[in-house]
Amino acid sequence: MVGEPIEKIRKAEEDSKNQIKAAQVDSDRMLREVREKAAQIVDQTKKELTEETKSVVKRAEEEAAQAIAKLREENEKAKTGLRATAGGNQSKAASFIIGKVIG
């Protein structure tokens, strides 16, 4: 009679150990799956950020090229204006110098 309760206790202990092992196996599997999923998310995020960075850099380069083109155009207009002014004043300057040297 005493042997039967002891056997039940041993069986309960064995069942508990088996449940703990099964729970540990499940826990390890879930942890591995979560780590794999996290790694996938990180990789996907890196790819997205890389593409976004490339896009931002491309837009910045295009905007810079437009700004440079505008500055060059303004520079050419300014040089043309200065040349026209200098050309218009050339005869006056020549007359002034001749007048000072000869006169």
C-alpha atoms as a PDB file:
ATOM      1  CA  MET A   1       0.000   0.000   0.000  1.00  0.00           C
ATOM      2  CA  VAL A   2       2.773   2.459   0.802  1.00  0.00           C
ATOM      3  CA  GLY A   3       4.453   1.576  -2.497  1.00  0.00           C
ATOM      4  CA  GLU A   4       1.501   2.764  -4.557  1.00  0.00           C
ATOM      5  CA  PRO A   5       1.576   6.425  -3.336  1.00  0.00           C
ATOM      6  CA  ILE A   6       5.359   6.500  -3.766  1.00  0.00           C
ATOM      7  CA  GLU A   7       4.952   5.205  -7.320  1.00  0.00           C
ATOM      8  CA  LYS A   8       2.354   7.913  -7.996  1.00  0.00           C
ATOM      9  CA  ILE A   9       4.756  10.550  -6.678  1.00  0.00           C
ATOM     10  CA  ARG A  10       7.562   9.211  -8.906  1.00  0.00           C
ATOM     11  CA  LYS A  11       5.232   9.205 -11.895  1.00  0.00           C
ATOM     12  CA  ALA A  12       4.146  12.771 -11.109  1.00  0.00           C
ATOM     13  CA  GLU A  13       7.795  13.826 -10.831  1.00  0.00           C
ATOM     14  CA  GLU A  14       8.595  12.120 -14.129  1.00  0.00           C
ATOM     15  CA  ASP A  15       5.605  13.776 -15.796  1.00  0.00           C
ATOM     16  CA  SER A  16       6.718  17.155 -14.399  1.00  0.00           C
ATOM     17  CA  LYS A  17      10.255  16.666 -15.726  1.00  0.00           C
ATOM     18  CA  ASN A  18       8.888  15.740 -19.148  1.00  0.00           C
ATOM     19  CA  GLN A  19       6.634  18.799 -19.183  1.00  0.00           C
ATOM     20  CA  ILE A  20       9.553  21.027 -18.172  1.00  0.00           C
ATOM     21  CA  LYS A  21      11.712  19.533 -20.957  1.00  0.00           C
ATOM     22  CA  ALA A  22       8.921  20.022 -23.485  1.00  0.00           C
ATOM     23  CA  ALA A  23       8.400  23.595 -22.317  1.00  0.00           C
ATOM     24  CA  GLN A  24      12.144  24.264 -22.613  1.00  0.00           C
ATOM     25  CA  VAL A  25      12.218  22.817 -26.130  1.00  0.00           C
ATOM     26  CA  ASP A  26       9.228  24.980 -27.094  1.00  0.00           C
ATOM     27  CA  SER A  27      10.830  28.015 -25.484  1.00  0.00           C
ATOM     28  CA  ASP A  28      14.107  27.445 -27.345  1.00  0.00           C
ATOM     29  CA  ARG A  29      12.235  27.013 -30.647  1.00  0.00           C
ATOM     30  CA  MET A  30      10.205  30.187 -30.109  1.00  0.00           C
ATOM     31  CA  LEU A  31      13.329  32.134 -29.142  1.00  0.00           C
ATOM     32  CA  ARG A  32      15.122  30.934 -32.282  1.00  0.00           C
ATOM     33  CA  GLU A  33      12.122  31.885 -34.439  1.00  0.00           C
ATOM     34  CA  VAL A  34      11.922  35.324 -32.836  1.00  0.00           C
ATOM     35  CA  ARG A  35      15.635  35.908 -33.409  1.00  0.00           C
ATOM     36  CA  GLU A  36      15.302  34.866 -37.047  1.00  0.00           C
ATOM     37  CA  LYS A  37      12.301  37.166 -37.507  1.00  0.00           C
ATOM     38  CA  ALA A  38      14.171  40.038 -35.833  1.00  0.00           C
ATOM     39  CA  ALA A  39      17.152  39.461 -38.139  1.00  0.00           C
ATOM     40  CA  GLN A  40      14.824  39.522 -41.161  1.00  0.00           C
ATOM     41  CA  ILE A  41      13.252  42.774 -39.954  1.00  0.00           C
ATOM     42  CA  VAL A  42      16.691  44.325 -39.425  1.00  0.00           C
ATOM     43  CA  ASP A  43      17.841  43.243 -42.908  1.00  0.00           C
ATOM     44  CA  GLN A  44      14.668  44.571 -44.536  1.00  0.00           C
ATOM     45  CA  THR A  45      14.965  47.858 -42.645  1.00  0.00           C
ATOM     46  CA  LYS A  46      18.605  48.207 -43.720  1.00  0.00           C
ATOM     47  CA  LYS A  47      17.621  47.641 -47.350  1.00  0.00           C
ATOM     48  CA  GLU A  48      14.805  50.183 -47.126  1.00  0.00           C
ATOM     49  CA  LEU A  49      17.039  52.761 -45.458  1.00  0.00           C
ATOM     50  CA  THR A  50      19.766  52.196 -48.027  1.00  0.00           C
ATOM     51  CA  GLU A  51      17.292  52.789 -50.852  1.00  0.00           C
ATOM     52  CA  GLU A  52      15.860  55.831 -49.105  1.00  0.00           C
ATOM     53  CA  THR A  53      19.361  57.216 -48.522  1.00  0.00           C
ATOM     54  CA  LYS A  54      20.217  56.722 -52.191  1.00  0.00           C
ATOM     55  CA  SER A  55      17.026  58.522 -53.160  1.00  0.00           C
ATOM     56  CA  VAL A  56      17.735  61.447 -50.820  1.00  0.00           C
ATOM     57  CA  VAL A  57      21.313  61.748 -52.077  1.00  0.00           C
ATOM     58  CA  LYS A  58      20.129  61.638 -55.699  1.00  0.00           C
ATOM     59  CA  ARG A  59      17.564  64.379 -55.058  1.00  0.00           C
ATOM     60  CA  ALA A  60      20.194  66.471 -53.270  1.00  0.00           C
ATOM     61  CA  GLU A  61      22.609  66.045 -56.184  1.00  0.00           C
ATOM     62  CA  GLU A  62      19.897  67.055 -58.663  1.00  0.00           C
ATOM     63  CA  GLU A  63      19.003  70.122 -56.602  1.00  0.00           C
ATOM     64  CA  ALA A  64      22.676  71.059 -56.322  1.00  0.00           C
ATOM     65  CA  ALA A  65      23.109  70.673 -60.085  1.00  0.00           C
ATOM     66  CA  GLN A  66      20.116  72.945 -60.676  1.00  0.00           C
ATOM     67  CA  ALA A  67      21.481  75.516 -58.237  1.00  0.00           C
ATOM     68  CA  ILE A  68      24.880  75.421 -59.946  1.00  0.00           C
ATOM     69  CA  ALA A  69      23.268  75.820 -63.373  1.00  0.00           C
ATOM     70  CA  LYS A  70      21.296  78.823 -62.106  1.00  0.00           C
ATOM     71  CA  LEU A  71      24.429  80.390 -60.606  1.00  0.00           C
ATOM     72  CA  ARG A  72      26.340  79.869 -63.862  1.00  0.00           C
ATOM     73  CA  GLU A  73      23.511  81.469 -65.813  1.00  0.00           C
ATOM     74  CA  GLU A  74      23.446  84.457 -63.452  1.00  0.00           C
ATOM     75  CA  ASN A  75      27.239  84.696 -63.683  1.00  0.00           C
ATOM     76  CA  GLU A  76      27.109  84.740 -67.479  1.00  0.00           C
ATOM     77  CA  LYS A  77      24.431  87.460 -67.411  1.00  0.00           C
ATOM     78  CA  ALA A  78      26.558  89.533 -65.026  1.00  0.00           C
ATOM     79  CA  LYS A  79      29.694  89.099 -67.184  1.00  0.00           C
ATOM     80  CA  THR A  80      27.739  90.041 -70.305  1.00  0.00           C
ATOM     81  CA  GLY A  81      26.402  93.150 -68.549  1.00  0.00           C
ATOM     82  CA  LEU A  82      29.853  94.142 -67.341  1.00  0.00           C
ATOM     83  CA  ARG A  83      31.345  93.642 -70.811  1.00  0.00           C
ATOM     84  CA  ALA A  84      28.598  95.780 -72.337  1.00  0.00           C
ATOM     85  CA  THR A  85      29.184  98.512 -69.768  1.00  0.00           C
ATOM     86  CA  ALA A  86      32.956  98.334 -70.281  1.00  0.00           C
ATOM     87  CA  GLY A  87      32.551  98.410 -74.066  1.00  0.00           C
ATOM     88  CA  GLY A  88      30.246 101.431 -73.814  1.00  0.00           C
ATOM     89  CA  ASN A  89      32.682 103.292 -71.592  1.00  0.00           C
ATOM     90  CA  GLN A  90      35.759 102.354 -73.593  1.00  0.00           C
ATOM     91  CA  SER A  91      35.614 105.319 -75.929  1.00  0.00           C
ATOM     92  CA  LYS A  92      34.995 107.723 -73.033  1.00  0.00           C
ATOM     93  CA  ALA A  93      37.943 106.248 -71.132  1.00  0.00           C
ATOM     94  CA  ALA A  94      40.172 106.513 -74.195  1.00  0.00           C
ATOM     95  CA  SER A  95      39.159 110.141 -74.725  1.00  0.00           C
ATOM     96  CA  PHE A  96      39.796 110.924 -71.058  1.00  0.00           C
ATOM     97  CA  ILE A  97      43.266 109.344 -71.130  1.00  0.00           C
ATOM     98  CA  ILE A  98      44.195 111.005 -74.390  1.00  0.00           C
ATOM     99  CA  GLY A  99      42.991 114.305 -73.006  1.00  0.00           C
ATOM    100  CA  LYS A 100      45.094 113.917 -69.846  1.00  0.00           C
ATOM    101  CA  VAL A 101      48.225 112.732 -71.653  1.00  0.00           C
ATOM    102  CA  ILE A 102      48.103 115.167 -74.569  1.00  0.00           C
ATOM    103  CA  GLY A 103      46.161 117.926 -73.016  1.00  0.00           C
END
